[in-house]
Amino acid sequence: MITINLNKAKDIWKDKLRTERAPLLSQLDVQFQRALETGADTTEIVAEKQRLRDITNLVTSASTLDEIKSISVE
């Protein structure tokens, strides 16, 4: 019988999410800087950046492999 180490699965999934979110955060940094330069509202940009930062916390609180797999940066 195959058993899955849930803690190891969480670590692997967190690393995957970090890799996927890195370019998205970079794009948001550029958008944020441009918004600041033009005086535009940055509320949505800040909220999205925070969502991406917090996504690994969702993995930490997951209790099954299916829950882990359902967490995505998109």
Protein backbone atom coordinates (compact mmCIF):
# COMPACT_ATOMS: atom_id res chain seq x y z
CA MET A 1 0.00 0.00 0.00
CA ILE A 2 1.24 3.46 -0.89
CA THR A 3 1.03 6.12 1.78
CA ILE A 4 1.51 9.80 1.19
CA ASN A 5 3.36 11.98 3.64
CA LEU A 6 0.97 14.95 3.85
CA ASN A 7 3.61 17.30 5.30
CA LYS A 8 6.02 16.52 2.47
CA ALA A 9 3.21 16.98 -0.07
CA LYS A 10 2.48 20.39 1.45
CA ASP A 11 6.12 21.41 1.17
CA ILE A 12 6.28 20.32 -2.46
CA TRP A 13 3.05 22.15 -3.32
CA LYS A 14 4.22 25.33 -1.56
CA ASP A 15 7.42 25.29 -3.61
CA LYS A 16 5.36 24.82 -6.78
CA LEU A 17 3.12 27.77 -5.89
CA ARG A 18 6.09 29.98 -5.05
CA THR A 19 7.59 29.26 -8.45
CA GLU A 20 4.31 30.01 -10.21
CA ARG A 21 3.62 33.22 -8.30
CA ALA A 22 7.08 34.79 -8.72
CA PRO A 23 6.50 36.17 -12.24
CA LEU A 24 3.00 37.29 -11.28
CA LEU A 25 4.34 39.25 -8.32
CA SER A 26 6.96 40.85 -10.57
CA GLN A 27 4.27 41.97 -13.00
CA LEU A 28 2.22 43.37 -10.14
CA ASP A 29 5.25 45.26 -8.85
CA VAL A 30 5.55 46.98 -12.22
CA GLN A 31 1.83 47.75 -12.28
CA PHE A 32 2.03 49.12 -8.75
CA GLN A 33 4.97 51.38 -9.60
CA ARG A 34 3.20 52.69 -12.69
CA ALA A 35 0.05 53.34 -10.69
CA LEU A 36 2.05 55.28 -8.12
CA GLU A 37 3.69 57.35 -10.84
CA THR A 38 0.35 58.30 -12.35
CA GLY A 39 -1.52 58.68 -9.07
CA ALA A 40 -3.89 55.81 -9.92
CA ASP A 41 -5.61 53.66 -7.30
CA THR A 42 -3.44 50.76 -6.13
CA THR A 43 -6.04 48.99 -4.01
CA GLU A 44 -6.65 46.07 -6.38
CA ILE A 45 -2.96 45.58 -7.04
CA VAL A 46 -2.15 45.49 -3.33
CA ALA A 47 -4.99 43.04 -2.67
CA GLU A 48 -3.82 40.69 -5.42
CA LYS A 49 -0.22 40.80 -4.20
CA GLN A 50 -1.41 39.94 -0.69
CA ARG A 51 -3.55 37.08 -2.01
CA LEU A 52 -0.53 35.63 -3.78
CA ARG A 53 1.61 35.98 -0.67
CA ASP A 54 -1.01 34.29 1.49
CA ILE A 55 -1.61 31.36 -0.86
CA THR A 56 0.95 29.16 0.89
CA ASN A 57 -1.01 29.60 4.14
CA LEU A 58 -3.91 27.83 2.47
CA VAL A 59 -1.66 24.85 1.86
CA THR A 60 -0.59 24.82 5.50
CA SER A 61 -4.20 24.60 6.64
CA ALA A 62 -5.21 21.93 4.11
CA SER A 63 -5.97 18.53 5.59
CA THR A 64 -6.19 16.28 2.52
CA LEU A 65 -4.24 15.76 -0.67
CA ASP A 66 -7.25 16.84 -2.74
CA GLU A 67 -7.45 20.11 -0.81
CA ILE A 68 -3.76 20.72 -1.46
CA LYS A 69 -4.11 20.03 -5.18
CA SER A 70 -7.06 22.41 -5.46
CA ILE A 71 -4.97 25.42 -4.38
CA SER A 72 -3.73 27.43 -7.33
CA VAL A 73 -2.29 30.88 -7.99
CA GLU A 74 -4.97 31.52 -10.59
